[in-house]
Every structure is written in C-alpha cells, then in structure tokens.
C-alpha cells in the first residue's frame, strides 16, 4: 500500500512515525498545533527496544551526543546531604536504572527526529483538526483554519488529552483517563555552582518532592511534585499558578527557595495533572492512535518516550506487511498492547510510596532508598524509576521492516 497519511502531533511519536512511514513509501504530512517546532521540554530517556529503533534509524550516536550528561540519581535531605545514590551504570543494567544510558531533553530528541525525516515529509504548523469524516475509503480532515484535506489514514500522535482522538473515540471506544492524584511542575532555572551532573531528589512531608536535573545547555531543569485529591491546579492562569506553587512549597528547604524565585522568569513553566490513558481500542476505521493519545504512561511509569519510538516503528512495519489499514492496525495493537499494559502497571503503592505524607513516612522512604542502594540488593533494585516495560521488552523482537 502507498497511502496519503496525516500525522497529528510533532513531539516524539509524530516525527518518529513520519520517519518510518516516509521510509516505507507513504506520502506523509505532519500537523502541529503550535506555530513552530517545540524546542522546550524536560529530561526524558530512551530504553530497551527503543534503542534498537534508534539504531535502525542511524540516530543512536546523535542522541548520545545530545545527552544531558546525567550521572545518576541522588536522594538528598533538606540540607542537601546525600541520603543514597544510584549511579547510572550500577547493577550491570547497561544504564537502564533511574538514569538511563540515553538521557536527553525532549526538545532535543524531537529536533533530531524531525531533521532525520528529510525532505520527504511535509510539515504544517499553527493549525489543528476540528473534524474528521471517515467514509471508509478515505478520511476528510477539516482544520481550524478552514481548509479541508483528504487522507487515506490519520495517525493521532498527540498528548493524553488529545482533542483529535476524542472526535472518533466515543461511546464504547471512549478512553479512560486515570488520574494518579499527582501534579508535576517543570521549569528551567539558572545553573549555579551548587549544581552537578546528578539528578537530585528531595522528599518532604505533605507528599511533596523537589528535583534538580542537569541539562546540556548551561542551565538546570527543576521539578516540583505534589500529591493531592484537588483538581484544576493545572488549569490555573499563570499568575495564580505561580502563587499556588509558592504557597505549597514555601516551607521547603534545600534549593527550593531558588526554584521559587525563578518562577517569574521561567518562560517554560508547565504543570501537568498526571493521568494515564487507557483506550479500549487504538483505532477506528482509518484513524489510529499512537503514543500518549493511546496509552499515556506518565513520567511515573518511566517508559513513555521509548514506547512512542517503538510504537511508531511497529505501526509502520505492520502497514508495510498488511493488505489493508484495518489489518495493519489490528496487528500493531496486538503486538504492542501487552508491553503498554505492563508499563502502565505501576509498582504497588506508586506514586504514593515515593511521596509520603508524614515525617515518619519520609524517614522510612529514605531508609528504604539506603537499603536499595546498598551493594547486596543494588542489582535487584537498580531499575527504580526505569519503567515497568524496559526489562520485558528485551525478550521481544521488533517486526521486520524494509526501509528505502
């Protein structure tokens, strides 16, 4: 089949799908809501079979060169003292513990993927889908700007709250949005002499945590986490959001005052109500879901970027070897869903266990990390934070794909 394919979303899953769909002979257009490529984003990683995907794209070295330089995870106390640490290559796991071998900023990986697509892919920015009409033989796509276009297949590679997905996944196909009860706020802060190449993590009572992680641009990436049953925090306007974060973290020590002081100047502040997406099916007619729109793992699962890369490859491979989109979509879902479901199956108590409410709970958690970091049990616990699916996928083999 040679198909006219629209991919909506240009973060990770979208460009990766565009790369493979173009290489397998399709006419590919990528549509992105923002007026230009997204360059921001926090630390993400690539693990397991996703490394094989990058190697088949001849991008493994490029991703490694663009890495953040993170050397491992260090839990700290309110004075910045080390509680426990997990070096990147501890436990003989090839760097797939809390810090993976391939740590990179989201914007950098997206740029590498976009550049790899070359001239064979068409990019549309500053517009989005408002209607999809699937006739059975083609999909008529109406954009917010008023234009209509016809495609053979639409790949929805958007975020967990995808509006394009919700145009077609209705009734018994409606996805379940499973809130984890945790908000994460990400921002970039100026680097200081106190910063090093470790991912530093402070837990404090009130189910709160503060994180600082290195980047490769001369700054530092910060994250503030809080668990709460409240809803709507991510929808606050920028002024109220900054005030809310200051209030919730005002009593926290270590580097927290520095992070709060940087809020007003941070033009990349982003807050997310962490939510897993569970879709009864990933396709309907000639529309198929990919990445977070289909199966958001959340950063707690730790394998979302890798699944986006794996899913993009598997989708293209199944389209190449199938006689119809329906057949391809069914094979794609059959191959990938077990890995997705395992990755969404978070460890017992997560994320609550890593975000204790009380001082006693924080003390117990710190004791647990010290035990986990000790030599006798490090090999067993080295996958803390690495994602449920990153080990099991090593038992699988990617389907063959003939790329031109």
Protein backbone atom coordinates (compact mmCIF):
# COMPACT_ATOMS: atom_id res chain seq x y z
CA UNK A 1 0.00 0.00 0.00
CA UNK A 2 1.08 3.55 -0.78
CA UNK A 3 -1.03 5.82 1.39
CA UNK A 4 -1.59 9.51 1.97
CA UNK A 5 -1.10 9.78 5.72
CA UNK A 6 -1.71 12.67 8.10
CA UNK A 7 0.14 12.53 11.43
CA UNK A 8 -1.15 14.95 14.07
CA UNK A 9 1.40 15.96 16.71
CA UNK A 10 5.10 16.78 16.29
CA UNK A 11 6.66 15.90 19.63
CA UNK A 12 8.25 12.42 19.70
CA UNK A 13 5.73 9.85 18.44
CA UNK A 14 4.67 12.00 15.46
CA UNK A 15 8.10 12.64 13.91
CA UNK A 16 9.17 9.06 14.61
CA UNK A 17 6.09 7.77 12.78
CA UNK A 18 6.67 10.23 9.93
CA UNK A 19 10.23 8.95 9.54
CA UNK A 20 9.23 5.30 9.20
CA UNK A 21 6.08 5.91 7.15
CA UNK A 22 8.06 8.00 4.68
CA UNK A 23 10.80 5.35 4.51
CA UNK A 24 8.20 2.70 3.69
CA UNK A 25 6.86 4.63 0.72
CA UNK A 26 3.93 6.67 2.00
CA UNK A 27 3.06 10.32 1.36
CA UNK A 28 3.31 11.81 4.86
CA UNK A 29 2.18 15.15 6.28
CA UNK A 30 2.69 16.14 9.94
CA UNK A 31 0.29 18.66 11.51
CA UNK A 32 1.29 20.55 14.68
CA UNK A 33 -0.91 22.94 16.64
CA UNK A 34 1.94 25.26 17.68
CA UNK A 35 3.13 27.85 15.14
CA UNK A 36 6.68 26.47 15.10
CA UNK A 37 8.56 23.39 16.30
CA UNK A 38 8.55 22.90 20.05
CA UNK A 39 12.07 23.32 21.43
CA UNK A 40 11.46 23.16 25.18
CA UNK A 41 10.91 20.24 27.46
CA UNK A 42 12.45 18.38 30.32
CA UNK A 43 14.63 15.30 30.72
CA UNK A 44 13.43 12.10 29.06
CA UNK A 45 15.20 8.85 28.25
CA UNK A 46 15.33 6.01 25.74
CA UNK A 47 15.42 2.41 26.94
CA UNK A 48 15.17 -1.21 25.87
CA UNK A 49 13.90 -1.92 22.35
CA UNK A 50 13.66 1.81 21.66
CA UNK A 51 17.45 1.86 21.48
CA UNK A 52 17.19 -0.71 18.69
CA UNK A 53 14.72 1.58 16.90
CA UNK A 54 17.16 4.50 17.12
CA UNK A 55 19.96 2.26 15.86
CA UNK A 56 17.85 1.27 12.82
CA UNK A 57 17.31 4.99 12.21
CA UNK A 58 21.09 5.52 12.49
CA UNK A 59 20.40 8.06 15.25
CA UNK A 60 21.83 6.31 18.29
CA UNK A 61 25.09 8.26 18.23
CA UNK A 62 23.30 11.57 17.61
CA UNK A 63 21.07 11.02 20.65
CA UNK A 64 24.04 10.00 22.75
CA UNK A 65 25.96 13.14 21.75
CA UNK A 66 22.96 15.32 22.67
CA UNK A 67 22.68 13.72 26.13
CA UNK A 68 22.28 15.70 29.32
CA UNK A 69 25.35 14.18 30.95
CA UNK A 70 23.39 12.95 33.96
CA UNK A 71 25.48 10.51 36.00
CA UNK A 72 22.81 9.05 38.27
CA UNK A 73 20.09 9.64 40.87
CA UNK A 74 20.94 11.00 44.32
CA UNK A 75 18.37 11.31 47.10
CA UNK A 76 19.15 14.25 49.37
CA UNK A 77 17.93 15.70 52.69
CA UNK A 78 16.82 19.25 53.49
CA UNK A 79 20.46 20.36 53.86
CA UNK A 80 21.49 18.85 50.54
CA UNK A 81 23.29 15.94 52.17
CA UNK A 82 23.33 12.63 50.35
CA UNK A 83 20.82 10.07 51.60
CA UNK A 84 21.52 7.45 48.92
CA UNK A 85 22.58 7.34 45.32
CA UNK A 86 22.14 5.21 42.22
CA UNK A 87 24.92 5.73 39.66
CA UNK A 88 23.88 5.43 36.03
CA UNK A 89 25.67 2.15 35.33
CA UNK A 90 25.22 0.45 38.69
CA UNK A 91 23.94 -3.12 38.85
CA UNK A 92 25.21 -4.18 35.43
CA UNK A 93 21.99 -3.00 33.80
CA UNK A 94 23.52 -1.15 30.88
CA UNK A 95 22.50 2.21 32.25
CA UNK A 96 18.78 1.49 32.49
CA UNK A 97 18.34 2.26 36.17
CA UNK A 98 16.83 5.59 37.28
CA UNK A 99 19.26 7.32 34.91
CA UNK A 100 19.39 5.62 31.52
CA UNK A 101 22.31 5.47 29.12
CA UNK A 102 20.37 7.77 26.78
CA UNK A 103 19.16 10.80 28.80
CA UNK A 104 18.15 13.74 26.59
CA UNK A 105 15.93 16.82 26.63
CA UNK A 106 12.56 16.30 24.95
CA UNK A 107 13.09 19.22 22.58
CA UNK A 108 16.49 17.90 21.50
CA UNK A 109 15.14 14.44 20.69
CA UNK A 110 12.21 15.94 18.79
CA UNK A 111 14.60 18.05 16.72
CA UNK A 112 16.81 15.05 15.93
CA UNK A 113 13.77 13.08 14.77
CA UNK A 114 12.42 15.96 12.66
CA UNK A 115 15.78 16.52 10.97
CA UNK A 116 16.09 12.81 10.22
CA UNK A 117 12.82 12.89 8.25
CA UNK A 118 14.42 14.89 5.47
CA UNK A 119 12.53 16.46 2.57
CA UNK A 120 10.12 13.58 2.06
CA UNK A 121 7.81 14.71 4.88
CA UNK A 122 5.55 17.79 4.71
CA UNK A 123 5.15 19.87 7.90
CA UNK A 124 2.12 22.03 8.69
CA UNK A 125 2.36 24.29 11.76
CA UNK A 126 -0.13 26.55 13.52
CA UNK A 127 -3.30 24.58 12.82
CA UNK A 128 -5.26 21.65 14.22
CA UNK A 129 -8.05 19.23 13.39
CA UNK A 130 -11.65 20.17 14.22
CA UNK A 131 -13.48 17.45 12.31
CA UNK A 132 -12.85 14.00 10.83
CA UNK A 133 -15.19 12.37 8.32
CA UNK A 134 -14.26 8.75 7.64
CA UNK A 135 -16.04 7.46 4.53
CA UNK A 136 -14.50 4.02 4.81
CA UNK A 137 -12.17 4.60 1.88
CA UNK A 138 -10.65 7.93 2.99
CA UNK A 139 -10.77 10.49 5.82
CA UNK A 140 -11.76 14.09 5.13
CA UNK A 141 -9.95 16.31 7.61
CA UNK A 142 -11.22 19.80 8.46
CA UNK A 143 -8.74 22.15 10.07
CA UNK A 144 -9.40 25.08 12.40
CA UNK A 145 -8.13 27.42 9.70
CA UNK A 146 -10.98 26.32 7.43
CA UNK A 147 -9.13 24.11 4.96
CA UNK A 148 -10.21 20.53 4.22
CA UNK A 149 -7.96 17.73 3.03
CA UNK A 150 -8.40 14.06 2.19
CA UNK A 151 -6.10 11.34 3.52
CA UNK A 152 -6.12 7.57 3.41
CA UNK A 153 -5.06 7.28 7.07
CA UNK A 154 -4.86 9.63 10.05
CA UNK A 155 -2.36 8.88 12.84
CA UNK A 156 -3.19 10.75 16.05
CA UNK A 157 0.13 11.21 17.89
CA UNK A 158 -0.93 13.87 20.37
CA UNK A 159 -0.95 14.18 24.16
CA UNK A 160 -3.07 12.39 26.77
CA UNK A 161 -5.91 14.90 26.42
CA UNK A 162 -5.96 14.76 22.62
CA UNK A 163 -8.93 16.56 21.10
CA UNK A 164 -8.45 14.84 17.76
CA UNK A 165 -8.71 11.43 19.43
CA UNK A 166 -11.93 12.49 21.14
CA UNK A 167 -13.54 13.21 17.76
CA UNK A 168 -13.54 9.50 16.94
CA UNK A 169 -13.09 7.58 20.19
CA UNK A 170 -16.62 7.92 21.53
CA UNK A 171 -19.22 5.56 23.01
CA UNK A 172 -17.68 2.21 23.93
CA UNK A 173 -14.38 3.39 22.42
CA UNK A 174 -14.08 6.31 24.89
CA UNK A 175 -10.73 6.22 26.71
CA UNK A 176 -10.48 6.04 30.49
CA UNK A 177 -8.40 8.88 31.95
CA UNK A 178 -6.92 7.55 35.18
CA UNK A 179 -5.66 10.41 37.37
CA UNK A 180 -2.76 9.47 39.66
CA UNK A 181 -3.53 12.29 42.11
CA UNK A 182 -0.19 13.97 41.47
CA UNK A 183 0.78 17.28 39.88
CA UNK A 184 4.21 17.92 38.40
CA UNK A 185 5.54 21.37 37.57
CA UNK A 186 8.58 21.64 35.29
CA UNK A 187 10.73 24.69 34.62
CA UNK A 188 14.26 25.68 33.68
CA UNK A 189 16.30 27.59 36.28
CA UNK A 190 19.72 29.28 36.06
CA UNK A 191 22.62 26.98 36.84
CA UNK A 192 24.66 27.69 39.98
CA UNK A 193 27.90 26.35 41.43
CA UNK A 194 25.84 24.06 43.65
CA UNK A 195 24.62 22.12 40.62
CA UNK A 196 26.38 19.00 39.43
CA UNK A 197 25.68 16.15 37.00
CA UNK A 198 23.44 14.22 39.39
CA UNK A 199 19.64 14.07 39.36
CA UNK A 200 18.93 15.25 42.92
CA UNK A 201 15.64 14.37 44.61
CA UNK A 202 14.33 15.74 47.92
CA UNK A 203 11.23 14.28 49.61
CA UNK A 204 9.43 16.29 52.29
CA UNK A 205 6.23 15.75 54.32
CA UNK A 206 2.97 16.65 52.66
CA UNK A 207 3.56 14.27 49.74
CA UNK A 208 5.86 16.76 48.06
CA UNK A 209 9.18 16.41 46.28
CA UNK A 210 11.72 18.72 44.65
CA UNK A 211 14.02 17.65 41.83
CA UNK A 212 17.01 19.21 40.05
CA UNK A 213 18.49 17.62 36.94
CA UNK A 214 21.37 18.62 34.67
CA UNK A 215 21.00 19.61 31.05
CA UNK A 216 23.42 20.22 28.21
CA UNK A 217 22.58 23.91 27.69
CA UNK A 218 24.20 25.52 30.74
CA UNK A 219 21.03 25.64 32.85
CA UNK A 220 19.28 23.25 35.25
CA UNK A 221 15.88 21.57 34.96
CA UNK A 222 13.67 21.71 38.05
CA UNK A 223 10.55 19.80 39.01
CA UNK A 224 8.08 20.33 41.87
CA UNK A 225 5.71 17.45 42.65
CA UNK A 226 2.73 17.37 44.96
CA UNK A 227 0.10 14.71 45.58
CA UNK A 228 -3.43 15.92 46.25
CA UNK A 229 -7.03 14.97 45.53
CA UNK A 230 -7.72 18.52 44.36
CA UNK A 231 -8.49 19.08 40.71
CA UNK A 232 -7.92 22.06 38.45
CA UNK A 233 -4.46 23.14 39.56
CA UNK A 234 -3.06 22.66 36.07
CA UNK A 235 -5.78 24.93 34.67
CA UNK A 236 -4.90 27.99 36.75
CA UNK A 237 -3.81 31.12 34.92
CA UNK A 238 -0.03 31.76 35.02
CA UNK A 239 -0.18 34.31 37.85
CA UNK A 240 -2.32 32.14 40.11
CA UNK A 241 -0.31 29.04 39.27
CA UNK A 242 2.95 30.64 40.36
CA UNK A 243 1.31 31.89 43.57
CA UNK A 244 -0.03 28.40 44.27
CA UNK A 245 3.39 26.79 43.84
CA UNK A 246 5.00 29.37 46.11
CA UNK A 247 2.41 28.73 48.81
CA UNK A 248 2.66 24.95 48.64
CA UNK A 249 6.48 24.87 48.76
CA UNK A 250 7.18 27.95 50.93
CA UNK A 251 8.37 25.90 53.92
CA UNK A 252 10.67 23.55 51.98
CA UNK A 253 14.41 23.90 52.36
CA UNK A 254 17.42 22.90 50.26
CA UNK A 255 17.33 24.56 46.80
CA UNK A 256 13.58 25.15 46.83
CA UNK A 257 13.69 28.94 47.51
CA UNK A 258 15.94 29.32 44.47
CA UNK A 259 13.43 27.45 42.30
CA UNK A 260 10.51 29.52 43.57
CA UNK A 261 12.48 32.71 42.94
CA UNK A 262 12.94 31.65 39.31
CA UNK A 263 9.22 31.12 38.66
CA UNK A 264 8.50 34.62 37.34
CA UNK A 265 11.29 34.47 34.76
CA UNK A 266 10.64 30.90 33.65
CA UNK A 267 9.02 31.05 30.20
CA UNK A 268 8.77 27.24 30.02
CA UNK A 269 6.79 26.58 33.22
CA UNK A 270 4.47 23.66 32.61
CA UNK A 271 2.19 21.88 35.08
CA UNK A 272 0.54 18.53 34.42
CA UNK A 273 -2.12 16.59 36.29
CA UNK A 274 -0.50 13.18 35.78
CA UNK A 275 -3.04 10.94 34.07
CA UNK A 276 -2.74 7.53 32.47
CA UNK A 277 -4.76 6.91 29.30
CA UNK A 278 -6.38 3.53 28.79
CA UNK A 279 -8.15 3.12 25.45
CA UNK A 280 -10.38 0.09 24.74
CA UNK A 281 -9.06 0.18 21.18
CA UNK A 282 -6.38 2.21 19.42
CA UNK A 283 -8.11 2.52 16.06
CA UNK A 284 -11.45 3.17 14.45
CA UNK A 285 -11.85 2.96 10.71
CA UNK A 286 -8.91 4.71 9.11
CA UNK A 287 -7.86 6.62 12.25
CA UNK A 288 -5.24 5.14 14.57
CA UNK A 289 -3.78 6.34 17.87
CA UNK A 290 -0.09 6.44 18.75
CA UNK A 291 1.85 7.47 21.86
CA UNK A 292 0.29 9.34 24.77
CA UNK A 293 -3.02 9.77 22.96
CA UNK A 294 -3.39 6.00 23.06
CA UNK A 295 -1.62 4.87 26.21
CA UNK A 296 -0.06 7.66 28.29
CA UNK A 297 2.18 6.02 30.92
CA UNK A 298 3.07 9.29 32.77
CA UNK A 299 6.62 10.01 33.96
CA UNK A 300 5.93 7.73 36.95
CA UNK A 301 5.95 4.77 34.54
CA UNK A 302 9.20 5.98 33.01
CA UNK A 303 8.86 4.25 29.62
CA UNK A 304 6.64 6.62 27.63
CA UNK A 305 9.25 8.02 25.25
CA UNK A 306 10.54 4.55 24.48
CA UNK A 307 7.03 3.28 23.79
CA UNK A 308 6.44 6.19 21.41
CA UNK A 309 9.52 5.22 19.40
CA UNK A 310 8.70 1.52 19.46
CA UNK A 311 5.05 2.14 18.57
CA UNK A 312 5.95 4.36 15.60
CA UNK A 313 8.21 1.64 14.19
CA UNK A 314 5.70 -1.18 14.77
CA UNK A 315 2.86 0.79 13.17
CA UNK A 316 4.90 1.42 10.02
CA UNK A 317 6.06 -2.20 9.90
CA UNK A 318 2.52 -3.55 10.15
CA UNK A 319 1.24 -1.15 7.49
CA UNK A 320 4.01 -2.37 5.19
CA UNK A 321 3.21 -6.05 5.63
CA UNK A 322 -0.62 -5.81 5.66
CA UNK A 323 -3.14 -5.65 2.85
CA UNK A 324 -5.37 -3.01 4.48
CA UNK A 325 -5.22 -0.37 7.24
CA UNK A 326 -7.68 -2.41 9.34
CA UNK A 327 -5.43 -5.45 9.21
CA UNK A 328 -2.34 -3.34 9.99
CA UNK A 329 -3.95 -1.57 12.95
CA UNK A 330 -5.08 -4.85 14.47
CA UNK A 331 -1.58 -6.33 14.15
CA UNK A 332 0.01 -3.17 15.55
CA UNK A 333 -2.23 -3.24 18.62
CA UNK A 334 -1.81 -6.98 19.12
CA UNK A 335 1.98 -6.67 19.10
CA UNK A 336 2.25 -3.57 21.29
CA UNK A 337 -0.61 -3.70 23.81
CA UNK A 338 0.97 -6.30 26.16
CA UNK A 339 4.06 -4.10 26.51
CA UNK A 340 1.94 -0.99 27.09
CA UNK A 341 -0.23 -2.66 29.72
CA UNK A 342 2.81 -3.93 31.59
CA UNK A 343 4.33 -0.44 31.54
CA UNK A 344 1.12 1.08 32.89
CA UNK A 345 1.08 -1.42 35.74
CA UNK A 346 2.91 0.74 38.28
CA UNK A 347 4.66 -0.79 41.30
CA UNK A 348 2.40 -1.35 44.34
CA UNK A 349 1.70 1.95 46.10
CA UNK A 350 3.13 4.14 43.33
CA UNK A 351 3.29 7.07 43.28
CA UNK A 352 2.23 7.38 46.95
CA UNK A 353 5.08 5.29 48.33
CA UNK A 354 7.66 7.74 46.92
CA UNK A 355 5.70 10.76 48.15
CA UNK A 356 4.98 10.15 51.85
CA UNK A 357 2.60 12.40 53.79
CA UNK A 358 4.30 12.36 57.19
CA UNK A 359 7.78 12.93 58.58
CA UNK A 360 7.83 9.31 59.68
CA UNK A 361 6.92 8.26 56.14
CA UNK A 362 9.71 10.39 54.67
CA UNK A 363 12.20 8.88 57.12
CA UNK A 364 11.04 5.38 56.21
CA UNK A 365 11.34 6.12 52.49
CA UNK A 366 14.87 7.42 52.95
CA UNK A 367 15.81 4.29 54.86
CA UNK A 368 14.38 2.25 52.00
CA UNK A 369 16.49 4.06 49.42
CA UNK A 370 19.62 3.49 51.51
CA UNK A 371 18.85 -0.23 51.60
CA UNK A 372 18.10 -0.27 47.87
CA UNK A 373 21.41 1.46 47.13
CA UNK A 374 23.46 -0.99 49.19
CA UNK A 375 25.65 -3.48 47.37
CA UNK A 376 23.79 -6.72 48.16
CA UNK A 377 20.47 -5.54 46.76
CA UNK A 378 21.50 -2.92 44.21
CA UNK A 379 21.26 -5.33 41.28
CA UNK A 380 17.66 -6.11 42.20
CA UNK A 381 16.59 -2.50 42.73
CA UNK A 382 18.65 -0.80 40.01
CA UNK A 383 15.52 -0.37 37.88
CA UNK A 384 13.93 2.05 40.35
CA UNK A 385 12.22 4.62 38.17
CA UNK A 386 13.23 2.92 34.92
CA UNK A 387 9.77 1.85 33.79
CA UNK A 388 7.95 -1.46 34.04
CA UNK A 389 8.32 -2.34 30.39
CA UNK A 390 12.00 -1.60 29.91
CA UNK A 391 13.08 -5.07 31.01
CA UNK A 392 10.42 -7.27 29.49
CA UNK A 393 10.75 -5.76 26.03
CA UNK A 394 14.24 -7.23 25.83
CA UNK A 395 12.56 -10.63 25.41
CA UNK A 396 10.81 -9.42 22.23
CA UNK A 397 11.99 -8.86 18.66
CA UNK A 398 10.90 -5.94 16.52
CA UNK A 399 8.93 -6.92 13.41
CA UNK A 400 10.91 -6.68 10.19
CA UNK A 401 10.58 -3.52 8.13
CA UNK A 402 12.03 -2.86 4.68
CA UNK A 403 13.02 0.83 4.60
CA UNK A 404 14.08 2.51 1.39
